[in-house]
Amino acid sequence: MHQRRLPRHRPHPHRAPAGPRAQDDLNHLTAGLTRSHHAAPVSYQHLADTLGLPLGARPPLEEAAAALLADREARGLALPDGGLDARQAGSVFLNPTITPAQAATVHAAGGPVHRGGDASLRASAGWLLEHVGHRPSSRIVPGVHCSTRRSLTLTAHPGATATAFTEALQLLVLQVFTTTGIRLTPELTLVG
């Protein structure tokens, strides 16, 4: 086992500094790592399908990493080096747990429904946002837009503020709830 001391947290170079927060007080971390040429067992069905392997398989590390990065890029999940999507908050809502009646309504409207790890029914938060009219690149409030690649990622444009992001989240929660009766839960941690 190899131990490596990680440096103090530094903000991403394409993001504005967030200011001092309790989450940023990590001074050092010691991690125990084991060298391997194979990835951990694949537990994500989409990645297993991409690799053509069953769940639990341990593909070569380079192959798994390349497939994961390609998949994230194709689905608009990779952080770009520049452009409109470089200043983003990432995916902003969790996929909500829904009732069987809500699942039937979402499914009838063409939306995806899947089972969570706890066997609960879940709707796609991104699909719900698109269902109420928010497509990639759409403006939510002044300064805050959906990314150019996916509705679930919010990006900062000129004039964006923390207050604008909070207003955008609240507006989206309200619009989805009013239209569908499904309550979205922000994935972001709001500080202050």
Protein backbone atom coordinates (compact mmCIF):
# COMPACT_ATOMS: atom_id res chain seq x y z
CA MET A 1 0.00 0.00 0.00
CA HIS A 2 1.29 3.48 -0.89
CA GLN A 3 0.49 6.61 1.08
CA ARG A 4 0.46 10.05 -0.44
CA ARG A 5 -0.17 13.35 1.26
CA LEU A 6 -2.56 15.52 -0.74
CA PRO A 7 -1.97 19.28 -0.93
CA ARG A 8 -4.31 21.84 0.61
CA HIS A 9 -7.48 22.40 -1.42
CA ARG A 10 -7.06 24.93 -4.19
CA PRO A 11 -9.98 26.29 -6.24
CA HIS A 12 -10.37 25.18 -9.86
CA PRO A 13 -8.60 27.73 -12.12
CA HIS A 14 -11.79 28.38 -14.15
CA ARG A 15 -14.01 29.06 -11.15
CA ALA A 16 -14.16 32.14 -8.99
CA PRO A 17 -12.92 31.54 -5.42
CA ALA A 18 -15.80 30.71 -3.11
CA GLY A 19 -14.34 32.41 -0.04
CA PRO A 20 -13.61 30.74 3.28
CA ARG A 21 -16.01 27.94 4.18
CA ALA A 22 -15.94 25.07 6.61
CA GLN A 23 -15.62 22.62 3.68
CA ASP A 24 -12.36 24.31 2.59
CA ASP A 25 -10.54 23.72 5.88
CA LEU A 26 -8.94 20.43 4.82
CA ASN A 27 -5.26 20.81 5.70
CA HIS A 28 -4.06 17.34 4.82
CA LEU A 29 -5.35 13.92 3.99
CA THR A 30 -3.59 10.60 4.07
CA ALA A 31 -4.99 8.05 1.64
CA GLY A 32 -4.10 4.39 1.47
CA LEU A 33 -3.90 3.34 -2.18
CA THR A 34 -3.22 -0.07 -3.67
CA ARG A 35 -1.46 -0.29 -7.04
CA SER A 36 -3.44 -2.18 -9.63
CA HIS A 37 -3.63 -2.46 -13.38
CA HIS A 38 -7.36 -3.19 -13.09
CA ALA A 39 -10.22 -0.90 -12.16
CA ALA A 40 -12.40 -1.45 -9.15
CA PRO A 41 -15.41 -3.69 -9.84
CA VAL A 42 -17.77 -1.89 -12.22
CA SER A 43 -20.96 -1.04 -10.31
CA TYR A 44 -22.54 1.41 -12.79
CA GLN A 45 -24.69 -0.36 -15.39
CA HIS A 46 -24.18 2.28 -18.08
CA LEU A 47 -20.39 1.93 -17.81
CA ALA A 48 -20.63 -1.86 -17.80
CA ASP A 49 -22.73 -1.69 -20.99
CA THR A 50 -20.24 0.71 -22.60
CA LEU A 51 -17.38 -1.66 -21.78
CA GLY A 52 -19.41 -4.72 -22.83
CA LEU A 53 -18.88 -6.31 -19.42
CA PRO A 54 -21.13 -7.59 -16.65
CA LEU A 55 -21.49 -5.65 -13.40
CA GLY A 56 -18.70 -6.56 -11.01
CA ALA A 57 -16.09 -7.10 -13.75
CA ARG A 58 -12.66 -5.52 -13.26
CA PRO A 59 -11.51 -4.21 -16.66
CA PRO A 60 -7.99 -2.93 -17.31
CA LEU A 61 -7.64 0.45 -15.59
CA GLU A 62 -6.71 2.36 -18.77
CA GLU A 63 -9.71 0.90 -20.63
CA ALA A 64 -12.13 1.76 -17.81
CA ALA A 65 -10.76 5.29 -17.44
CA ALA A 66 -10.95 5.95 -21.20
CA ALA A 67 -14.54 4.63 -21.37
CA LEU A 68 -15.61 6.68 -18.37
CA LEU A 69 -14.09 9.90 -19.72
CA ALA A 70 -15.57 9.33 -23.20
CA ASP A 71 -19.00 8.66 -21.71
CA ARG A 72 -18.87 11.77 -19.49
CA GLU A 73 -17.77 13.90 -22.45
CA ALA A 74 -20.53 12.50 -24.70
CA ARG A 75 -23.18 13.24 -22.07
CA GLY A 76 -21.93 16.77 -21.35
CA LEU A 77 -20.66 15.85 -17.88
CA ALA A 78 -16.98 16.72 -18.38
CA LEU A 79 -15.85 20.18 -17.32
CA PRO A 80 -14.60 21.98 -20.44
CA ASP A 81 -11.42 24.07 -20.41
CA GLY A 82 -13.19 27.12 -21.81
CA GLY A 83 -16.35 28.44 -23.41
CA LEU A 84 -19.82 29.04 -22.04
CA ASP A 85 -19.94 25.81 -20.06
CA ALA A 86 -16.63 26.29 -18.20
CA ARG A 87 -18.23 28.42 -15.45
CA GLN A 88 -20.76 25.99 -14.08
CA ALA A 89 -22.32 24.65 -10.93
CA GLY A 90 -22.49 21.11 -12.31
CA SER A 91 -25.60 18.95 -12.00
CA VAL A 92 -27.87 20.91 -9.71
CA PHE A 93 -30.64 18.47 -8.76
CA LEU A 94 -30.83 14.89 -7.53
CA ASN A 95 -33.08 12.49 -9.41
CA PRO A 96 -36.23 12.66 -7.26
CA THR A 97 -37.93 9.71 -5.62
CA ILE A 98 -41.47 9.42 -6.99
CA THR A 99 -44.64 7.49 -6.24
CA PRO A 100 -45.92 4.70 -8.51
CA ALA A 101 -48.67 7.07 -9.77
CA GLN A 102 -46.09 9.76 -10.58
CA ALA A 103 -43.92 7.13 -12.30
CA ALA A 104 -46.86 6.13 -14.50
CA THR A 105 -47.48 9.80 -15.41
CA VAL A 106 -43.79 10.44 -16.20
CA HIS A 107 -43.57 7.24 -18.24
CA ALA A 108 -46.77 8.11 -20.16
CA ALA A 109 -45.24 11.51 -21.02
CA GLY A 110 -42.14 9.79 -22.42
CA GLY A 111 -39.91 10.34 -19.42
CA PRO A 112 -37.45 7.85 -17.97
CA VAL A 113 -38.17 6.13 -14.67
CA HIS A 114 -35.63 3.91 -12.96
CA ARG A 115 -35.08 2.22 -9.62
CA GLY A 116 -32.59 3.69 -7.19
CA GLY A 117 -30.14 1.60 -5.19
CA ASP A 118 -32.77 1.40 -2.44
CA ALA A 119 -35.36 0.08 -4.98
CA SER A 120 -37.26 3.39 -4.92
CA LEU A 121 -38.71 4.75 -8.15
CA ARG A 122 -36.84 7.78 -9.49
CA ALA A 123 -37.47 10.24 -12.30
CA SER A 124 -34.75 11.99 -14.27
CA ALA A 125 -34.25 15.51 -12.93
CA GLY A 126 -32.88 16.59 -16.33
CA TRP A 127 -35.94 15.23 -18.13
CA LEU A 128 -38.25 17.03 -15.67
CA LEU A 129 -36.46 20.34 -16.37
CA GLU A 130 -36.84 19.81 -20.12
CA HIS A 131 -40.47 18.77 -19.62
CA VAL A 132 -41.24 22.20 -18.10
CA GLY A 133 -39.48 23.97 -20.96
CA HIS A 134 -35.82 24.34 -20.00
CA ARG A 135 -33.61 23.10 -22.82
CA PRO A 136 -29.83 23.33 -23.14
CA SER A 137 -28.72 26.99 -23.40
CA SER A 138 -32.03 28.35 -22.08
CA ARG A 139 -31.90 31.34 -19.73
CA ILE A 140 -33.32 30.68 -16.25
CA VAL A 141 -32.76 34.11 -14.64
CA PRO A 142 -30.39 36.95 -15.60
CA GLY A 143 -26.85 35.54 -15.59
CA VAL A 144 -27.85 31.89 -15.11
CA HIS A 145 -28.49 29.54 -18.04
CA CYS A 146 -28.68 25.81 -18.67
CA SER A 147 -25.42 24.58 -20.16
CA THR A 148 -25.14 24.25 -23.92
CA ARG A 149 -25.07 20.44 -23.55
CA ARG A 150 -27.64 19.59 -20.85
CA SER A 151 -30.47 21.19 -18.91
CA LEU A 152 -29.41 19.79 -15.54
CA THR A 153 -26.16 21.80 -15.47
CA LEU A 154 -26.39 25.52 -14.75
CA THR A 155 -23.77 27.95 -16.04
CA ALA A 156 -22.73 31.46 -15.05
CA HIS A 157 -22.99 34.18 -17.69
CA PRO A 158 -22.24 37.89 -17.29
CA GLY A 159 -24.21 39.24 -14.34
CA ALA A 160 -24.41 35.91 -12.50
CA THR A 161 -24.40 36.12 -8.73
CA ALA A 162 -24.89 33.66 -5.88
CA THR A 163 -28.33 35.21 -5.38
CA ALA A 164 -29.16 34.60 -9.06
CA PHE A 165 -28.17 30.93 -8.74
CA THR A 166 -30.35 30.60 -5.63
CA GLU A 167 -33.27 32.24 -7.46
CA ALA A 168 -32.74 29.94 -10.44
CA LEU A 169 -32.84 26.83 -8.21
CA GLN A 170 -35.97 28.04 -6.45
CA LEU A 171 -37.68 28.87 -9.75
CA LEU A 172 -36.87 25.46 -11.24
CA VAL A 173 -38.12 23.63 -8.13
CA LEU A 174 -41.37 25.64 -8.27
CA GLN A 175 -41.93 25.13 -12.01
CA VAL A 176 -41.37 21.36 -11.83
CA PHE A 177 -43.55 21.00 -8.72
CA THR A 178 -46.36 23.15 -10.16
CA THR A 179 -46.35 21.21 -13.43
CA THR A 180 -45.79 17.66 -12.19
CA GLY A 181 -46.29 17.54 -8.42
CA ILE A 182 -42.71 16.23 -8.15
CA ARG A 183 -40.34 18.07 -5.82
CA LEU A 184 -36.73 18.47 -6.94
CA THR A 185 -33.99 18.54 -4.31
CA PRO A 186 -30.91 20.67 -5.04
CA GLU A 187 -27.69 18.69 -5.19
CA LEU A 188 -25.72 21.83 -4.37
CA THR A 189 -24.92 22.90 -0.85
CA LEU A 190 -25.89 26.54 -0.42
CA VAL A 191 -23.65 28.36 2.05
CA GLY A 192 -24.64 31.63 3.75
